[in-house]
PDB file of N, CA and C in Angstrom:
ATOM      1  N   MET A   1      15.956  26.478 -14.952  1.00  0.00           N
ATOM      2  CA  MET A   1      14.833  27.156 -15.017  1.00  0.00           C
ATOM      3  C   MET A   1      14.090  27.301 -13.308  1.00  0.00           C
ATOM      4  N   TYR A   2      13.914  25.916 -13.036  1.00  0.00           N
ATOM      5  CA  TYR A   2      13.301  25.826 -11.539  1.00  0.00           C
ATOM      6  C   TYR A   2      14.237  26.591 -10.505  1.00  0.00           C
ATOM      7  N   GLY A   3      15.447  26.166 -10.635  1.00  0.00           N
ATOM      8  CA  GLY A   3      16.538  26.867  -9.456  1.00  0.00           C
ATOM      9  C   GLY A   3      16.462  28.235  -9.736  1.00  0.00           C
ATOM     10  N   TRP A   4      16.270  28.687 -10.893  1.00  0.00           N
ATOM     11  CA  TRP A   4      16.238  30.299 -10.964  1.00  0.00           C
ATOM     12  C   TRP A   4      15.430  30.590 -10.259  1.00  0.00           C
ATOM     13  N   ILE A   5      14.156  30.157 -10.573  1.00  0.00           N
ATOM     14  CA  ILE A   5      12.745  30.536  -9.854  1.00  0.00           C
ATOM     15  C   ILE A   5      12.883  30.726  -8.428  1.00  0.00           C
ATOM     16  N   TRP A   6      13.542  29.274  -7.807  1.00  0.00           N
ATOM     17  CA  TRP A   6      13.662  29.137  -6.442  1.00  0.00           C
ATOM     18  C   TRP A   6      14.539  30.025  -5.918  1.00  0.00           C
ATOM     19  N   ARG A   7      15.343  30.652  -6.688  1.00  0.00           N
ATOM     20  CA  ARG A   7      16.420  31.505  -5.929  1.00  0.00           C
ATOM     21  C   ARG A   7      16.048  33.021  -6.004  1.00  0.00           C
ATOM     22  N   HIS A   8      15.171  33.405  -6.798  1.00  0.00           N
ATOM     23  CA  HIS A   8      14.535  34.468  -6.674  1.00  0.00           C
ATOM     24  C   HIS A   8      13.254  34.749  -5.900  1.00  0.00           C
ATOM     25  N   LEU A   9      12.748  33.605  -5.539  1.00  0.00           N
ATOM     26  CA  LEU A   9      11.586  33.819  -4.425  1.00  0.00           C
ATOM     27  C   LEU A   9      12.261  34.458  -3.079  1.00  0.00           C
ATOM     28  N   PRO A  10      11.438  35.155  -2.687  1.00  0.00           N
ATOM     29  CA  PRO A  10      11.604  35.858  -0.942  1.00  0.00           C
ATOM     30  C   PRO A  10      11.358  34.774  -0.231  1.00  0.00           C
ATOM     31  N   GLY A  11      12.193  34.954   1.002  1.00  0.00           N
ATOM     32  CA  GLY A  11      11.903  34.157   2.312  1.00  0.00           C
ATOM     33  C   GLY A  11      12.544  33.151   2.449  1.00  0.00           C
ATOM     34  N   ASN A  12      12.376  32.306   3.801  1.00  0.00           N
ATOM     35  CA  ASN A  12      13.038  30.879   3.729  1.00  0.00           C
ATOM     36  C   ASN A  12      12.626  29.722   2.992  1.00  0.00           C
ATOM     37  N   THR A  13      12.822  28.473   3.134  1.00  0.00           N
ATOM     38  CA  THR A  13      12.630  27.567   2.569  1.00  0.00           C
ATOM     39  C   THR A  13      10.921  27.352   2.795  1.00  0.00           C
ATOM     40  N   TRP A  14      10.494  27.332   3.613  1.00  0.00           N
ATOM     41  CA  TRP A  14       8.977  27.105   4.061  1.00  0.00           C
ATOM     42  C   TRP A  14       8.237  28.331   3.214  1.00  0.00           C
ATOM     43  N   LEU A  15       8.381  29.381   3.393  1.00  0.00           N
ATOM     44  CA  LEU A  15       7.865  30.523   2.788  1.00  0.00           C
ATOM     45  C   LEU A  15       7.676  30.295   0.809  1.00  0.00           C
ATOM     46  N   LYS A  16       9.202  29.928   0.369  1.00  0.00           N
ATOM     47  CA  LYS A  16       9.296  29.482  -0.918  1.00  0.00           C
ATOM     48  C   LYS A  16       8.668  28.271  -1.296  1.00  0.00           C
ATOM     49  N   ALA A  17       8.459  27.348  -0.478  1.00  0.00           N
ATOM     50  CA  ALA A  17       7.404  26.362  -0.819  1.00  0.00           C
ATOM     51  C   ALA A  17       6.079  26.575  -1.087  1.00  0.00           C
ATOM     52  N   LEU A  18       5.760  27.752  -0.155  1.00  0.00           N
ATOM     53  CA  LEU A  18       4.261  27.855  -0.241  1.00  0.00           C
ATOM     54  C   LEU A  18       3.940  28.928  -1.089  1.00  0.00           C
ATOM     55  N   ILE A  19       4.892  29.746  -1.518  1.00  0.00           N
ATOM     56  CA  ILE A  19       4.827  30.637  -2.590  1.00  0.00           C
ATOM     57  C   ILE A  19       4.965  29.706  -3.991  1.00  0.00           C
ATOM     58  N   SER A  20       5.581  28.707  -3.996  1.00  0.00           N
ATOM     59  CA  SER A  20       5.658  27.928  -5.145  1.00  0.00           C
ATOM     60  C   SER A  20       4.360  27.188  -5.321  1.00  0.00           C
ATOM     61  N   LEU A  21       3.657  26.869  -4.135  1.00  0.00           N
ATOM     62  CA  LEU A  21       2.471  26.111  -4.382  1.00  0.00           C
ATOM     63  C   LEU A  21       1.510  26.914  -4.901  1.00  0.00           C
ATOM     64  N   VAL A  22       1.236  28.062  -4.280  1.00  0.00           N
ATOM     65  CA  VAL A  22       0.396  29.160  -4.664  1.00  0.00           C
ATOM     66  C   VAL A  22       0.758  29.448  -6.456  1.00  0.00           C
ATOM     67  N   LEU A  23       1.756  29.358  -6.899  1.00  0.00           N
ATOM     68  CA  LEU A  23       2.072  29.745  -8.089  1.00  0.00           C
ATOM     69  C   LEU A  23       1.622  28.704  -8.984  1.00  0.00           C
ATOM     70  N   VAL A  24       1.872  27.274  -8.461  1.00  0.00           N
ATOM     71  CA  VAL A  24       1.446  26.235  -9.200  1.00  0.00           C
ATOM     72  C   VAL A  24      -0.173  26.205  -9.443  1.00  0.00           C
ATOM     73  N   LEU A  25      -0.405  26.102  -8.212  1.00  0.00           N
ATOM     74  CA  LEU A  25      -2.368  26.219  -8.361  1.00  0.00           C
ATOM     75  C   LEU A  25      -2.650  27.232  -9.124  1.00  0.00           C
ATOM     76  N   GLY A  26      -2.121  28.642  -9.060  1.00  0.00           N
ATOM     77  CA  GLY A  26      -2.536  29.470  -9.982  1.00  0.00           C
ATOM     78  C   GLY A  26      -2.558  29.047 -11.516  1.00  0.00           C
ATOM     79  N   LEU A  27      -1.381  28.741 -12.024  1.00  0.00           N
ATOM     80  CA  LEU A  27      -0.968  28.357 -13.235  1.00  0.00           C
ATOM     81  C   LEU A  27      -2.128  27.134 -13.625  1.00  0.00           C
ATOM     82  N   VAL A  28      -2.535  26.448 -12.530  1.00  0.00           N
ATOM     83  CA  VAL A  28      -3.288  25.331 -13.145  1.00  0.00           C
ATOM     84  C   VAL A  28      -4.616  25.959 -13.170  1.00  0.00           C
ATOM     85  N   TYR A  29      -5.018  26.715 -12.289  1.00  0.00           N
ATOM     86  CA  TYR A  29      -6.382  27.432 -12.146  1.00  0.00           C
ATOM     87  C   TYR A  29      -6.375  28.261 -13.585  1.00  0.00           C
ATOM     88  N   LEU A  30      -5.355  29.248 -14.098  1.00  0.00           N
ATOM     89  CA  LEU A  30      -5.421  29.557 -15.527  1.00  0.00           C
ATOM     90  C   LEU A  30      -5.632  28.955 -16.565  1.00  0.00           C
ATOM     91  N   LEU A  31      -5.001  27.555 -16.625  1.00  0.00           N
ATOM     92  CA  LEU A  31      -4.795  26.495 -17.695  1.00  0.00           C
ATOM     93  C   LEU A  31      -6.495  26.072 -17.943  1.00  0.00           C
ATOM     94  N   PHE A  32      -7.209  25.680 -16.759  1.00  0.00           N
ATOM     95  CA  PHE A  32      -8.353  25.153 -16.723  1.00  0.00           C
ATOM     96  C   PHE A  32      -9.543  26.307 -16.900  1.00  0.00           C
ATOM     97  N   GLN A  33      -9.438  27.281 -16.686  1.00  0.00           N
ATOM     98  CA  GLN A  33     -10.287  28.505 -16.724  1.00  0.00           C
ATOM     99  C   GLN A  33     -10.147  28.977 -18.344  1.00  0.00           C
ATOM    100  N   TYR A  34      -9.141  29.195 -18.639  1.00  0.00           N
ATOM    101  CA  TYR A  34      -8.659  30.000 -20.110  1.00  0.00           C
ATOM    102  C   TYR A  34      -8.155  29.368 -21.145  1.00  0.00           C
ATOM    103  N   VAL A  35      -7.155  28.646 -20.848  1.00  0.00           N
ATOM    104  CA  VAL A  35      -6.357  27.935 -21.862  1.00  0.00           C
ATOM    105  C   VAL A  35      -6.973  26.848 -22.622  1.00  0.00           C
ATOM    106  N   PHE A  36      -7.493  25.763 -21.674  1.00  0.00           N
ATOM    107  CA  PHE A  36      -8.010  24.520 -22.323  1.00  0.00           C
ATOM    108  C   PHE A  36      -9.277  24.669 -22.812  1.00  0.00           C
ATOM    109  N   PRO A  37     -10.398  25.644 -22.563  1.00  0.00           N
ATOM    110  CA  PRO A  37     -11.539  26.131 -23.117  1.00  0.00           C
ATOM    111  C   PRO A  37     -11.275  26.496 -24.368  1.00  0.00           C
ATOM    112  N   TRP A  38     -10.171  27.647 -24.593  1.00  0.00           N
ATOM    113  CA  TRP A  38      -9.894  27.965 -25.648  1.00  0.00           C
ATOM    114  C   TRP A  38      -9.528  27.037 -26.621  1.00  0.00           C
ATOM    115  N   ALA A  39      -8.626  26.013 -26.436  1.00  0.00           N
ATOM    116  CA  ALA A  39      -7.993  25.145 -27.471  1.00  0.00           C
ATOM    117  C   ALA A  39      -8.863  23.924 -27.300  1.00  0.00           C
ATOM    118  N   GLU A  40     -10.032  23.748 -26.865  1.00  0.00           N
ATOM    119  CA  GLU A  40     -10.721  22.411 -26.989  1.00  0.00           C
ATOM    120  C   GLU A  40     -11.364  22.379 -28.360  1.00  0.00           C
ATOM    121  N   PRO A  41     -11.698  23.392 -29.045  1.00  0.00           N
ATOM    122  CA  PRO A  41     -12.422  23.456 -30.170  1.00  0.00           C
ATOM    123  C   PRO A  41     -11.379  23.077 -31.192  1.00  0.00           C
ATOM    124  N   LEU A  42     -10.130  23.390 -31.193  1.00  0.00           N
ATOM    125  CA  LEU A  42      -8.991  22.992 -31.912  1.00  0.00           C
ATOM    126  C   LEU A  42      -8.684  21.647 -31.625  1.00  0.00           C
ATOM    127  N   LEU A  43      -8.903  20.816 -30.691  1.00  0.00           N
ATOM    128  CA  LEU A  43      -8.406  19.511 -30.632  1.00  0.00           C
ATOM    129  C   LEU A  43      -9.199  18.616 -31.300  1.00  0.00           C
ATOM    130  N   PRO A  44      -8.710  17.437 -31.830  1.00  0.00           N
ATOM    131  CA  PRO A  44      -9.684  16.507 -32.725  1.00  0.00           C
ATOM    132  C   PRO A  44     -10.174  15.175 -31.823  1.00  0.00           C
ATOM    133  N   PHE A  45     -10.975  15.613 -30.746  1.00  0.00           N
ATOM    134  CA  PHE A  45     -11.323  14.899 -29.744  1.00  0.00           C
ATOM    135  C   PHE A  45     -12.870  14.232 -30.273  1.00  0.00           C
ATOM    136  N   ASN A  46     -13.552  14.944 -31.287  1.00  0.00           N
ATOM    137  CA  ASN A  46     -14.733  14.496 -31.505  1.00  0.00           C
ATOM    138  C   ASN A  46     -14.490  13.849 -33.220  1.00  0.00           C
ATOM    139  N   ASP A  47     -13.206  13.723 -33.547  1.00  0.00           N
ATOM    140  CA  ASP A  47     -12.872  13.161 -34.802  1.00  0.00           C
ATOM    141  C   ASP A  47     -12.829  11.590 -34.917  1.00  0.00           C
ATOM    142  N   VAL A  48     -13.981  11.013 -34.499  1.00  0.00           N
ATOM    143  CA  VAL A  48     -14.033   9.473 -34.529  1.00  0.00           C
ATOM    144  C   VAL A  48     -13.842   8.633 -35.664  1.00  0.00           C
ATOM    145  N   THR A  49     -13.132   7.709 -35.872  1.00  0.00           N
ATOM    146  CA  THR A  49     -13.138   6.768 -37.239  1.00  0.00           C
ATOM    147  C   THR A  49     -13.090   5.667 -36.679  1.00  0.00           C
ATOM    148  N   VAL A  50     -14.235   4.686 -37.390  1.00  0.00           N
ATOM    149  CA  VAL A  50     -14.328   3.176 -36.993  1.00  0.00           C
ATOM    150  C   VAL A  50     -13.595   2.502 -38.187  1.00  0.00           C
ATOM    151  N   ASP A  51     -12.923   1.674 -37.672  1.00  0.00           N
ATOM    152  CA  ASP A  51     -12.163   0.586 -38.610  1.00  0.00           C
ATOM    153  C   ASP A  51     -13.171  -0.280 -39.425  1.00  0.00           C
ATOM    154  N   GLU A  52     -13.163  -0.521 -40.672  1.00  0.00           N
ATOM    155  CA  GLU A  52     -14.278  -1.599 -41.102  1.00  0.00           C
ATOM    156  C   GLU A  52     -13.513  -2.894 -40.917  1.00  0.00           C
ATOM    157  N   GLY A  53     -12.631  -3.378 -40.692  1.00  0.00           N
ATOM    158  CA  GLY A  53     -11.836  -4.683 -40.485  1.00  0.00           C
ATOM    159  C   GLY A  53     -12.526  -5.061 -39.076  1.00  0.00           C
ATOM    160  N   MET A  54     -12.759  -4.176 -37.989  1.00  0.00           N
ATOM    161  CA  MET A  54     -13.017  -4.680 -36.966  1.00  0.00           C
ATOM    162  C   MET A  54     -14.463  -5.212 -36.717  1.00  0.00           C
ATOM    163  N   SER A  55     -15.368  -4.567 -37.506  1.00  0.00           N
ATOM    164  CA  SER A  55     -16.808  -5.240 -37.310  1.00  0.00           C
ATOM    165  C   SER A  55     -16.819  -6.660 -37.903  1.00  0.00           C
ATOM    166  N   ALA A  56     -15.732  -7.287 -38.739  1.00  0.00           N
ATOM    167  CA  ALA A  56     -15.907  -8.330 -39.258  1.00  0.00           C
ATOM    168  C   ALA A  56     -15.274  -9.345 -38.097  1.00  0.00           C
ATOM    169  N   VAL A  57     -14.362  -8.668 -37.388  1.00  0.00           N
ATOM    170  CA  VAL A  57     -13.988  -9.725 -36.501  1.00  0.00           C
ATOM    171  C   VAL A  57     -15.196  -9.844 -35.280  1.00  0.00           C
ATOM    172  N   ARG A  58     -15.954  -8.895 -34.992  1.00  0.00           N
ATOM    173  CA  ARG A  58     -17.170  -8.921 -34.321  1.00  0.00           C
ATOM    174  C   ARG A  58     -18.304 -10.050 -34.597  1.00  0.00           C
ATOM    175  N   GLU A  59     -18.311  -9.911 -36.020  1.00  0.00           N
ATOM    176  CA  GLU A  59     -19.469 -10.729 -36.505  1.00  0.00           C
ATOM    177  C   GLU A  59     -18.824 -12.205 -36.258  1.00  0.00           C
ATOM    178  N   THR A  60     -17.630 -12.803 -36.830  1.00  0.00           N
ATOM    179  CA  THR A  60     -16.967 -13.907 -36.648  1.00  0.00           C
ATOM    180  C   THR A  60     -16.534 -14.506 -35.383  1.00  0.00           C
ATOM    181  N   GLY A  61     -16.298 -13.622 -34.774  1.00  0.00           N
ATOM    182  CA  GLY A  61     -15.605 -13.989 -33.336  1.00  0.00           C
ATOM    183  C   GLY A  61     -14.102 -14.431 -33.146  1.00  0.00           C
ATOM    184  N   GLY A  62     -13.661 -13.999 -34.453  1.00  0.00           N
ATOM    185  CA  GLY A  62     -12.054 -14.163 -34.517  1.00  0.00           C
ATOM    186  C   GLY A  62     -11.361 -13.066 -34.103  1.00  0.00           C
ATOM    187  N   ALA A  63     -10.143 -13.004 -34.443  1.00  0.00           N
ATOM    188  CA  ALA A  63      -9.089 -12.028 -34.054  1.00  0.00           C
ATOM    189  C   ALA A  63      -8.630 -11.459 -35.416  1.00  0.00           C
ATOM    190  N   ALA A  64      -8.692 -10.162 -35.543  1.00  0.00           N
ATOM    191  CA  ALA A  64      -8.112  -9.665 -36.839  1.00  0.00           C
ATOM    192  C   ALA A  64      -6.413  -9.631 -36.892  1.00  0.00           C
ATOM    193  N   LEU A  65      -5.957  -9.512 -38.119  1.00  0.00           N
ATOM    194  CA  LEU A  65      -4.849 -10.072 -38.660  1.00  0.00           C
ATOM    195  C   LEU A  65      -4.244  -8.611 -38.814  1.00  0.00           C
TER     196      LEU A  65
END
């Protein structure tokens, strides 16, 4: 896939590298501005569970088995 993109970009190697950099930066911008904010409510980042067994380890100072 990357070879196909590289072959279809216009110009010499330096121009292709510059265009590739601009394309990657544009993709990162689109991801951070539109895709990630849209997907954030769908991801379980705030679903935190605390294991009951770990509290016993802290109280006794021992290791959990």
